[in-house]
Amino acid sequence: WVISILTFFLSALLDNMTTAIVMIA
């Protein structure tokens, strides 16, 4: 839940590709 919610809102602020790269790291 923490990872999914963080990704969801971070991706709206950045973009989905950049957010995915950050979250995998």
mmCIF file of all heavy atoms, coordinates in Angstrom:
data_MODEL
# 
_entry.id   MODEL 
# 
loop_
_atom_site.group_PDB 
_atom_site.id 
_atom_site.type_symbol 
_atom_site.label_atom_id 
_atom_site.label_alt_id 
_atom_site.label_comp_id 
_atom_site.label_asym_id 
_atom_site.label_entity_id 
_atom_site.label_seq_id 
_atom_site.pdbx_PDB_ins_code 
_atom_site.Cartn_x 
_atom_site.Cartn_y 
_atom_site.Cartn_z 
_atom_site.occupancy 
_atom_site.B_iso_or_equiv 
_atom_site.pdbx_formal_charge 
_atom_site.auth_seq_id 
_atom_site.auth_comp_id 
_atom_site.auth_asym_id 
_atom_site.auth_atom_id 
_atom_site.pdbx_PDB_model_num 
ATOM 1   N N   . TRP A 1 1  ? 0.821  -1.205 0.000   1.00 0.00 ? 1  TRP A N   1 
ATOM 2   C CA  . TRP A 1 1  ? 0.000  0.000  0.000   1.00 0.00 ? 1  TRP A CA  1 
ATOM 3   C C   . TRP A 1 1  ? 0.859  1.262  0.000   1.00 0.00 ? 1  TRP A C   1 
ATOM 4   O O   . TRP A 1 1  ? 0.567  2.222  -0.718  1.00 0.00 ? 1  TRP A O   1 
ATOM 5   C CB  . TRP A 1 1  ? -0.939 -0.001 1.209   1.00 0.00 ? 1  TRP A CB  1 
ATOM 6   C CG  . TRP A 1 1  ? -2.165 -0.833 1.002   1.00 0.00 ? 1  TRP A CG  1 
ATOM 7   C CD1 . TRP A 1 1  ? -2.420 -2.080 1.497   1.00 0.00 ? 1  TRP A CD1 1 
ATOM 8   C CD2 . TRP A 1 1  ? -3.311 -0.485 0.219   1.00 0.00 ? 1  TRP A CD2 1 
ATOM 9   N NE1 . TRP A 1 1  ? -3.651 -2.538 1.083   1.00 0.00 ? 1  TRP A NE1 1 
ATOM 10  C CE2 . TRP A 1 1  ? -4.227 -1.576 0.304   1.00 0.00 ? 1  TRP A CE2 1 
ATOM 11  C CE3 . TRP A 1 1  ? -3.667 0.635  -0.525  1.00 0.00 ? 1  TRP A CE3 1 
ATOM 12  C CZ2 . TRP A 1 1  ? -5.456 -1.557 -0.347  1.00 0.00 ? 1  TRP A CZ2 1 
ATOM 13  C CZ3 . TRP A 1 1  ? -4.900 0.645  -1.176  1.00 0.00 ? 1  TRP A CZ3 1 
ATOM 14  C CH2 . TRP A 1 1  ? -5.773 -0.438 -1.081  1.00 0.00 ? 1  TRP A CH2 1 
ATOM 15  N N   . VAL A 1 2  ? 1.906  1.258  0.800   1.00 0.00 ? 2  VAL A N   1 
ATOM 16  C CA  . VAL A 1 2  ? 2.795  2.423  0.866   1.00 0.00 ? 2  VAL A CA  1 
ATOM 17  C C   . VAL A 1 2  ? 3.415  2.705  -0.502  1.00 0.00 ? 2  VAL A C   1 
ATOM 18  O O   . VAL A 1 2  ? 3.400  3.841  -0.993  1.00 0.00 ? 2  VAL A O   1 
ATOM 19  C CB  . VAL A 1 2  ? 3.901  2.202  1.922   1.00 0.00 ? 2  VAL A CB  1 
ATOM 20  C CG1 . VAL A 1 2  ? 4.964  3.299  1.808   1.00 0.00 ? 2  VAL A CG1 1 
ATOM 21  C CG2 . VAL A 1 2  ? 3.317  2.191  3.323   1.00 0.00 ? 2  VAL A CG2 1 
ATOM 22  N N   . ILE A 1 3  ? 3.943  1.643  -1.130  1.00 0.00 ? 3  ILE A N   1 
ATOM 23  C CA  . ILE A 1 3  ? 4.605  1.800  -2.433  1.00 0.00 ? 3  ILE A CA  1 
ATOM 24  C C   . ILE A 1 3  ? 3.603  2.245  -3.499  1.00 0.00 ? 3  ILE A C   1 
ATOM 25  O O   . ILE A 1 3  ? 3.882  3.142  -4.311  1.00 0.00 ? 3  ILE A O   1 
ATOM 26  C CB  . ILE A 1 3  ? 5.280  0.476  -2.847  1.00 0.00 ? 3  ILE A CB  1 
ATOM 27  C CG1 . ILE A 1 3  ? 6.457  0.149  -1.928  1.00 0.00 ? 3  ILE A CG1 1 
ATOM 28  C CG2 . ILE A 1 3  ? 5.742  0.544  -4.300  1.00 0.00 ? 3  ILE A CG2 1 
ATOM 29  C CD1 . ILE A 1 3  ? 7.576  1.155  -1.966  1.00 0.00 ? 3  ILE A CD1 1 
ATOM 30  N N   . SER A 1 4  ? 2.413  1.645  -3.517  1.00 0.00 ? 4  SER A N   1 
ATOM 31  C CA  . SER A 1 4  ? 1.421  1.945  -4.557  1.00 0.00 ? 4  SER A CA  1 
ATOM 32  C C   . SER A 1 4  ? 0.893  3.374  -4.437  1.00 0.00 ? 4  SER A C   1 
ATOM 33  O O   . SER A 1 4  ? 0.779  4.093  -5.434  1.00 0.00 ? 4  SER A O   1 
ATOM 34  C CB  . SER A 1 4  ? 0.261  0.942  -4.482  1.00 0.00 ? 4  SER A CB  1 
ATOM 35  O OG  . SER A 1 4  ? 0.711  -0.372 -4.723  1.00 0.00 ? 4  SER A OG  1 
ATOM 36  N N   . ILE A 1 5  ? 0.565  3.797  -3.217  1.00 0.00 ? 5  ILE A N   1 
ATOM 37  C CA  . ILE A 1 5  ? 0.035  5.152  -3.019  1.00 0.00 ? 5  ILE A CA  1 
ATOM 38  C C   . ILE A 1 5  ? 1.113  6.193  -3.327  1.00 0.00 ? 5  ILE A C   1 
ATOM 39  O O   . ILE A 1 5  ? 0.845  7.212  -3.981  1.00 0.00 ? 5  ILE A O   1 
ATOM 40  C CB  . ILE A 1 5  ? -0.487 5.314  -1.572  1.00 0.00 ? 5  ILE A CB  1 
ATOM 41  C CG1 . ILE A 1 5  ? -1.721 4.429  -1.371  1.00 0.00 ? 5  ILE A CG1 1 
ATOM 42  C CG2 . ILE A 1 5  ? -0.826 6.775  -1.278  1.00 0.00 ? 5  ILE A CG2 1 
ATOM 43  C CD1 . ILE A 1 5  ? -2.221 4.382  0.057   1.00 0.00 ? 5  ILE A CD1 1 
ATOM 44  N N   . LEU A 1 6  ? 2.330  5.942  -2.862  1.00 0.00 ? 6  LEU A N   1 
ATOM 45  C CA  . LEU A 1 6  ? 3.441  6.861  -3.146  1.00 0.00 ? 6  LEU A CA  1 
ATOM 46  C C   . LEU A 1 6  ? 3.668  6.988  -4.642  1.00 0.00 ? 6  LEU A C   1 
ATOM 47  O O   . LEU A 1 6  ? 3.841  8.090  -5.176  1.00 0.00 ? 6  LEU A O   1 
ATOM 48  C CB  . LEU A 1 6  ? 4.705  6.357  -2.448  1.00 0.00 ? 6  LEU A CB  1 
ATOM 49  C CG  . LEU A 1 6  ? 5.972  7.214  -2.604  1.00 0.00 ? 6  LEU A CG  1 
ATOM 50  C CD1 . LEU A 1 6  ? 5.742  8.615  -2.039  1.00 0.00 ? 6  LEU A CD1 1 
ATOM 51  C CD2 . LEU A 1 6  ? 7.158  6.548  -1.914  1.00 0.00 ? 6  LEU A CD2 1 
ATOM 52  N N   . THR A 1 7  ? 3.645  5.857  -5.344  1.00 0.00 ? 7  THR A N   1 
ATOM 53  C CA  . THR A 1 7  ? 3.841  5.860  -6.802  1.00 0.00 ? 7  THR A CA  1 
ATOM 54  C C   . THR A 1 7  ? 2.720  6.611  -7.509  1.00 0.00 ? 7  THR A C   1 
ATOM 55  O O   . THR A 1 7  ? 2.959  7.397  -8.432  1.00 0.00 ? 7  THR A O   1 
ATOM 56  C CB  . THR A 1 7  ? 3.903  4.414  -7.336  1.00 0.00 ? 7  THR A CB  1 
ATOM 57  O OG1 . THR A 1 7  ? 4.949  3.708  -6.681  1.00 0.00 ? 7  THR A OG1 1 
ATOM 58  C CG2 . THR A 1 7  ? 4.138  4.395  -8.838  1.00 0.00 ? 7  THR A CG2 1 
ATOM 59  N N   . PHE A 1 8  ? 1.491  6.387  -7.076  1.00 0.00 ? 8  PHE A N   1 
ATOM 60  C CA  . PHE A 1 8  ? 0.314  6.982  -7.712  1.00 0.00 ? 8  PHE A CA  1 
ATOM 61  C C   . PHE A 1 8  ? 0.399  8.512  -7.708  1.00 0.00 ? 8  PHE A C   1 
ATOM 62  O O   . PHE A 1 8  ? 0.226  9.158  -8.749  1.00 0.00 ? 8  PHE A O   1 
ATOM 63  C CB  . PHE A 1 8  ? -0.952 6.520  -6.984  1.00 0.00 ? 8  PHE A CB  1 
ATOM 64  C CG  . PHE A 1 8  ? -2.230 7.056  -7.561  1.00 0.00 ? 8  PHE A CG  1 
ATOM 65  C CD1 . PHE A 1 8  ? -2.820 6.456  -8.670  1.00 0.00 ? 8  PHE A CD1 1 
ATOM 66  C CD2 . PHE A 1 8  ? -2.852 8.161  -7.000  1.00 0.00 ? 8  PHE A CD2 1 
ATOM 67  C CE1 . PHE A 1 8  ? -4.013 6.956  -9.203  1.00 0.00 ? 8  PHE A CE1 1 
ATOM 68  C CE2 . PHE A 1 8  ? -4.037 8.662  -7.522  1.00 0.00 ? 8  PHE A CE2 1 
ATOM 69  C CZ  . PHE A 1 8  ? -4.615 8.060  -8.629  1.00 0.00 ? 8  PHE A CZ  1 
ATOM 70  N N   . PHE A 1 9  ? 0.685  9.084  -6.564  1.00 0.00 ? 9  PHE A N   1 
ATOM 71  C CA  . PHE A 1 9  ? 0.696  10.545 -6.462  1.00 0.00 ? 9  PHE A CA  1 
ATOM 72  C C   . PHE A 1 9  ? 2.005  11.151 -6.980  1.00 0.00 ? 9  PHE A C   1 
ATOM 73  O O   . PHE A 1 9  ? 2.006  12.253 -7.533  1.00 0.00 ? 9  PHE A O   1 
ATOM 74  C CB  . PHE A 1 9  ? 0.424  10.977 -5.021  1.00 0.00 ? 9  PHE A CB  1 
ATOM 75  C CG  . PHE A 1 9  ? -1.005 10.762 -4.604  1.00 0.00 ? 9  PHE A CG  1 
ATOM 76  C CD1 . PHE A 1 9  ? -1.359 9.696  -3.799  1.00 0.00 ? 9  PHE A CD1 1 
ATOM 77  C CD2 . PHE A 1 9  ? -1.998 11.607 -5.048  1.00 0.00 ? 9  PHE A CD2 1 
ATOM 78  C CE1 . PHE A 1 9  ? -2.679 9.488  -3.425  1.00 0.00 ? 9  PHE A CE1 1 
ATOM 79  C CE2 . PHE A 1 9  ? -3.324 11.418 -4.690  1.00 0.00 ? 9  PHE A CE2 1 
ATOM 80  C CZ  . PHE A 1 9  ? -3.673 10.348 -3.872  1.00 0.00 ? 9  PHE A CZ  1 
ATOM 81  N N   . LEU A 1 10 ? 3.109  10.428 -6.811  1.00 0.00 ? 10 LEU A N   1 
ATOM 82  C CA  . LEU A 1 10 ? 4.376  10.926 -7.331  1.00 0.00 ? 10 LEU A CA  1 
ATOM 83  C C   . LEU A 1 10 ? 4.352  10.987 -8.854  1.00 0.00 ? 10 LEU A C   1 
ATOM 84  O O   . LEU A 1 10 ? 4.885  11.911 -9.468  1.00 0.00 ? 10 LEU A O   1 
ATOM 85  C CB  . LEU A 1 10 ? 5.524  10.034 -6.855  1.00 0.00 ? 10 LEU A CB  1 
ATOM 86  C CG  . LEU A 1 10 ? 6.948  10.541 -7.115  1.00 0.00 ? 10 LEU A CG  1 
ATOM 87  C CD1 . LEU A 1 10 ? 7.176  11.872 -6.416  1.00 0.00 ? 10 LEU A CD1 1 
ATOM 88  C CD2 . LEU A 1 10 ? 7.967  9.512  -6.643  1.00 0.00 ? 10 LEU A CD2 1 
ATOM 89  N N   . SER A 1 11 ? 3.687  10.003 -9.474  1.00 0.00 ? 11 SER A N   1 
ATOM 90  C CA  . SER A 1 11 ? 3.615  9.955  -10.931 1.00 0.00 ? 11 SER A CA  1 
ATOM 91  C C   . SER A 1 11 ? 2.801  11.105 -11.520 1.00 0.00 ? 11 SER A C   1 
ATOM 92  O O   . SER A 1 11 ? 3.057  11.561 -12.622 1.00 0.00 ? 11 SER A O   1 
ATOM 93  C CB  . SER A 1 11 ? 3.016  8.614  -11.334 1.00 0.00 ? 11 SER A CB  1 
ATOM 94  O OG  . SER A 1 11 ? 2.140  8.660  -12.306 1.00 0.00 ? 11 SER A OG  1 
ATOM 95  N N   . ALA A 1 12 ? 1.821  11.599 -10.752 1.00 0.00 ? 12 ALA A N   1 
ATOM 96  C CA  . ALA A 1 12 ? 1.048  12.755 -11.204 1.00 0.00 ? 12 ALA A CA  1 
ATOM 97  C C   . ALA A 1 12 ? 1.879  14.027 -11.133 1.00 0.00 ? 12 ALA A C   1 
ATOM 98  O O   . ALA A 1 12 ? 1.683  14.957 -11.919 1.00 0.00 ? 12 ALA A O   1 
ATOM 99  C CB  . ALA A 1 12 ? -0.203 12.915 -10.331 1.00 0.00 ? 12 ALA A CB  1 
ATOM 100 N N   . LEU A 1 13 ? 2.828  14.055 -10.206 1.00 0.00 ? 13 LEU A N   1 
ATOM 101 C CA  . LEU A 1 13 ? 3.668  15.229 -10.044 1.00 0.00 ? 13 LEU A CA  1 
ATOM 102 C C   . LEU A 1 13 ? 4.827  15.234 -11.029 1.00 0.00 ? 13 LEU A C   1 
ATOM 103 O O   . LEU A 1 13 ? 5.155  16.272 -11.611 1.00 0.00 ? 13 LEU A O   1 
ATOM 104 C CB  . LEU A 1 13 ? 4.213  15.275 -8.610  1.00 0.00 ? 13 LEU A CB  1 
ATOM 105 C CG  . LEU A 1 13 ? 5.135  16.438 -8.246  1.00 0.00 ? 13 LEU A CG  1 
ATOM 106 C CD1 . LEU A 1 13 ? 4.382  17.763 -8.352  1.00 0.00 ? 13 LEU A CD1 1 
ATOM 107 C CD2 . LEU A 1 13 ? 5.705  16.252 -6.843  1.00 0.00 ? 13 LEU A CD2 1 
ATOM 108 N N   . LEU A 1 14 ? 5.442  14.085 -11.224 1.00 0.00 ? 14 LEU A N   1 
ATOM 109 C CA  . LEU A 1 14 ? 6.554  13.964 -12.168 1.00 0.00 ? 14 LEU A CA  1 
ATOM 110 C C   . LEU A 1 14 ? 5.975  13.484 -13.489 1.00 0.00 ? 14 LEU A C   1 
ATOM 111 O O   . LEU A 1 14 ? 5.328  14.208 -14.206 1.00 0.00 ? 14 LEU A O   1 
ATOM 112 C CB  . LEU A 1 14 ? 7.601  12.990 -11.634 1.00 0.00 ? 14 LEU A CB  1 
ATOM 113 C CG  . LEU A 1 14 ? 8.186  13.302 -10.253 1.00 0.00 ? 14 LEU A CG  1 
ATOM 114 C CD1 . LEU A 1 14 ? 9.142  12.198 -9.810  1.00 0.00 ? 14 LEU A CD1 1 
ATOM 115 C CD2 . LEU A 1 14 ? 8.905  14.623 -10.264 1.00 0.00 ? 14 LEU A CD2 1 
ATOM 116 N N   . ASP A 1 15 ? 6.202  12.218 -13.812 1.00 0.00 ? 15 ASP A N   1 
ATOM 117 C CA  . ASP A 1 15 ? 5.550  11.530 -14.916 1.00 0.00 ? 15 ASP A CA  1 
ATOM 118 C C   . ASP A 1 15 ? 5.713  10.046 -14.637 1.00 0.00 ? 15 ASP A C   1 
ATOM 119 O O   . ASP A 1 15 ? 6.513  9.646  -13.790 1.00 0.00 ? 15 ASP A O   1 
ATOM 120 C CB  . ASP A 1 15 ? 6.156  11.919 -16.279 1.00 0.00 ? 15 ASP A CB  1 
ATOM 121 C CG  . ASP A 1 15 ? 7.570  11.422 -16.430 1.00 0.00 ? 15 ASP A CG  1 
ATOM 122 O OD1 . ASP A 1 15 ? 7.751  10.276 -16.857 1.00 0.00 ? 15 ASP A OD1 1 
ATOM 123 O OD2 . ASP A 1 15 ? 8.499  12.179 -16.108 1.00 0.00 ? 15 ASP A OD2 1 
ATOM 124 N N   . ASN A 1 16 ? 4.934  9.216  -15.337 1.00 0.00 ? 16 ASN A N   1 
ATOM 125 C CA  . ASN A 1 16 ? 4.910  7.791  -14.973 1.00 0.00 ? 16 ASN A CA  1 
ATOM 126 C C   . ASN A 1 16 ? 6.247  7.090  -15.180 1.00 0.00 ? 16 ASN A C   1 
ATOM 127 O O   . ASN A 1 16 ? 6.641  6.235  -14.385 1.00 0.00 ? 16 ASN A O   1 
ATOM 128 C CB  . ASN A 1 16 ? 3.784  7.051  -15.709 1.00 0.00 ? 16 ASN A CB  1 
ATOM 129 C CG  . ASN A 1 16 ? 3.746  7.361  -17.190 1.00 0.00 ? 16 ASN A CG  1 
ATOM 130 O OD1 . ASN A 1 16 ? 4.701  7.924  -17.751 1.00 0.00 ? 16 ASN A OD1 1 
ATOM 131 N ND2 . ASN A 1 16 ? 2.658  7.004  -17.839 1.00 0.00 ? 16 ASN A ND2 1 
ATOM 132 N N   . MET A 1 17 ? 6.982  7.442  -16.223 1.00 0.00 ? 17 MET A N   1 
ATOM 133 C CA  . MET A 1 17 ? 8.251  6.771  -16.490 1.00 0.00 ? 17 MET A CA  1 
ATOM 134 C C   . MET A 1 17 ? 9.304  7.141  -15.442 1.00 0.00 ? 17 MET A C   1 
ATOM 135 O O   . MET A 1 17 ? 9.972  6.261  -14.883 1.00 0.00 ? 17 MET A O   1 
ATOM 136 C CB  . MET A 1 17 ? 8.767  7.117  -17.887 1.00 0.00 ? 17 MET A CB  1 
ATOM 137 C CG  . MET A 1 17 ? 10.069 6.420  -18.238 1.00 0.00 ? 17 MET A CG  1 
ATOM 138 S SD  . MET A 1 17 ? 10.585 6.750  -19.943 1.00 0.00 ? 17 MET A SD  1 
ATOM 139 C CE  . MET A 1 17 ? 10.935 8.501  -19.869 1.00 0.00 ? 17 MET A CE  1 
ATOM 140 N N   . THR A 1 18 ? 9.439  8.429  -15.162 1.00 0.00 ? 18 THR A N   1 
ATOM 141 C CA  . THR A 1 18 ? 10.416 8.868  -14.167 1.00 0.00 ? 18 THR A CA  1 
ATOM 142 C C   . THR A 1 18 ? 10.080 8.289  -12.799 1.00 0.00 ? 18 THR A C   1 
ATOM 143 O O   . THR A 1 18 ? 10.964 7.831  -12.065 1.00 0.00 ? 18 THR A O   1 
ATOM 144 C CB  . THR A 1 18 ? 10.440 10.403 -14.086 1.00 0.00 ? 18 THR A CB  1 
ATOM 145 O OG1 . THR A 1 18 ? 10.692 10.933 -15.384 1.00 0.00 ? 18 THR A OG1 1 
ATOM 146 C CG2 . THR A 1 18 ? 11.515 10.881 -13.133 1.00 0.00 ? 18 THR A CG2 1 
ATOM 147 N N   . THR A 1 19 ? 8.792  8.297  -12.453 1.00 0.00 ? 19 THR A N   1 
ATOM 148 C CA  . THR A 1 19 ? 8.366  7.751  -11.160 1.00 0.00 ? 19 THR A CA  1 
ATOM 149 C C   . THR A 1 19 ? 8.693  6.270  -11.060 1.00 0.00 ? 19 THR A C   1 
ATOM 150 O O   . THR A 1 19 ? 9.154  5.794  -10.012 1.00 0.00 ? 19 THR A O   1 
ATOM 151 C CB  . THR A 1 19 ? 6.858  7.965  -10.971 1.00 0.00 ? 19 THR A CB  1 
ATOM 152 O OG1 . THR A 1 19 ? 6.576  9.371  -11.007 1.00 0.00 ? 19 THR A OG1 1 
ATOM 153 C CG2 . THR A 1 19 ? 6.385  7.396  -9.644  1.00 0.00 ? 19 THR A CG2 1 
ATOM 154 N N   . ALA A 1 20 ? 8.455  5.529  -12.147 1.00 0.00 ? 20 ALA A N   1 
ATOM 155 C CA  . ALA A 1 20 ? 8.753  4.094  -12.135 1.00 0.00 ? 20 ALA A CA  1 
ATOM 156 C C   . ALA A 1 20 ? 10.243 3.856  -11.893 1.00 0.00 ? 20 ALA A C   1 
ATOM 157 O O   . ALA A 1 20 ? 10.627 2.959  -11.125 1.00 0.00 ? 20 ALA A O   1 
ATOM 158 C CB  . ALA A 1 20 ? 8.320  3.453  -13.451 1.00 0.00 ? 20 ALA A CB  1 
ATOM 159 N N   . ILE A 1 21 ? 11.082 4.644  -12.519 1.00 0.00 ? 21 ILE A N   1 
ATOM 160 C CA  . ILE A 1 21 ? 12.530 4.511  -12.342 1.00 0.00 ? 21 ILE A CA  1 
ATOM 161 C C   . ILE A 1 21 ? 12.912 4.778  -10.885 1.00 0.00 ? 21 ILE A C   1 
ATOM 162 O O   . ILE A 1 21 ? 13.696 4.029  -10.280 1.00 0.00 ? 21 ILE A O   1 
ATOM 163 C CB  . ILE A 1 21 ? 13.282 5.468  -13.282 1.00 0.00 ? 21 ILE A CB  1 
ATOM 164 C CG1 . ILE A 1 21 ? 13.044 5.065  -14.747 1.00 0.00 ? 21 ILE A CG1 1 
ATOM 165 C CG2 . ILE A 1 21 ? 14.777 5.474  -12.981 1.00 0.00 ? 21 ILE A CG2 1 
ATOM 166 C CD1 . ILE A 1 21 ? 13.577 6.069  -15.754 1.00 0.00 ? 21 ILE A CD1 1 
ATOM 167 N N   . VAL A 1 22 ? 12.346 5.834  -10.300 1.00 0.00 ? 22 VAL A N   1 
ATOM 168 C CA  . VAL A 1 22 ? 12.633 6.174  -8.902  1.00 0.00 ? 22 VAL A CA  1 
ATOM 169 C C   . VAL A 1 22 ? 12.176 5.057  -7.964  1.00 0.00 ? 22 VAL A C   1 
ATOM 170 O O   . VAL A 1 22 ? 12.906 4.653  -7.052  1.00 0.00 ? 22 VAL A O   1 
ATOM 171 C CB  . VAL A 1 22 ? 11.948 7.512  -8.528  1.00 0.00 ? 22 VAL A CB  1 
ATOM 172 C CG1 . VAL A 1 22 ? 12.041 7.764  -7.023  1.00 0.00 ? 22 VAL A CG1 1 
ATOM 173 C CG2 . VAL A 1 22 ? 12.567 8.659  -9.301  1.00 0.00 ? 22 VAL A CG2 1 
ATOM 174 N N   . MET A 1 23 ? 10.976 4.531  -8.196  1.00 0.00 ? 23 MET A N   1 
ATOM 175 C CA  . MET A 1 23 ? 10.419 3.534  -7.290  1.00 0.00 ? 23 MET A CA  1 
ATOM 176 C C   . MET A 1 23 ? 11.161 2.201  -7.376  1.00 0.00 ? 23 MET A C   1 
ATOM 177 O O   . MET A 1 23 ? 11.306 1.496  -6.366  1.00 0.00 ? 23 MET A O   1 
ATOM 178 C CB  . MET A 1 23 ? 8.934  3.330  -7.593  1.00 0.00 ? 23 MET A CB  1 
ATOM 179 C CG  . MET A 1 23 ? 8.065  4.555  -7.317  1.00 0.00 ? 23 MET A CG  1 
ATOM 180 S SD  . MET A 1 23 ? 8.299  5.293  -5.682  1.00 0.00 ? 23 MET A SD  1 
ATOM 181 C CE  . MET A 1 23 ? 7.762  3.962  -4.629  1.00 0.00 ? 23 MET A CE  1 
ATOM 182 N N   . ILE A 1 24 ? 11.635 1.843  -8.551  1.00 0.00 ? 24 ILE A N   1 
ATOM 183 C CA  . ILE A 1 24 ? 12.418 0.605  -8.664  1.00 0.00 ? 24 ILE A CA  1 
ATOM 184 C C   . ILE A 1 24 ? 13.729 0.744  -7.904  1.00 0.00 ? 24 ILE A C   1 
ATOM 185 O O   . ILE A 1 24 ? 14.189 -0.193 -7.233  1.00 0.00 ? 24 ILE A O   1 
ATOM 186 C CB  . ILE A 1 24 ? 12.682 0.260  -10.145 1.00 0.00 ? 24 ILE A CB  1 
ATOM 187 C CG1 . ILE A 1 24 ? 11.376 -0.084 -10.850 1.00 0.00 ? 24 ILE A CG1 1 
ATOM 188 C CG2 . ILE A 1 24 ? 13.651 -0.911 -10.256 1.00 0.00 ? 24 ILE A CG2 1 
ATOM 189 C CD1 . ILE A 1 24 ? 10.574 -1.209 -10.205 1.00 0.00 ? 24 ILE A CD1 1 
ATOM 190 N N   . ALA A 1 25 ? 14.321 1.937  -7.984  1.00 0.00 ? 25 ALA A N   1 
ATOM 191 C CA  . ALA A 1 25 ? 15.538 2.184  -7.202  1.00 0.00 ? 25 ALA A CA  1 
ATOM 192 C C   . ALA A 1 25 ? 15.254 2.034  -5.717  1.00 0.00 ? 25 ALA A C   1 
ATOM 193 O O   . ALA A 1 25 ? 16.074 1.495  -4.959  1.00 0.00 ? 25 ALA A O   1 
ATOM 194 C CB  . ALA A 1 25 ? 16.085 3.569  -7.514  1.00 0.00 ? 25 ALA A CB  1 
# 
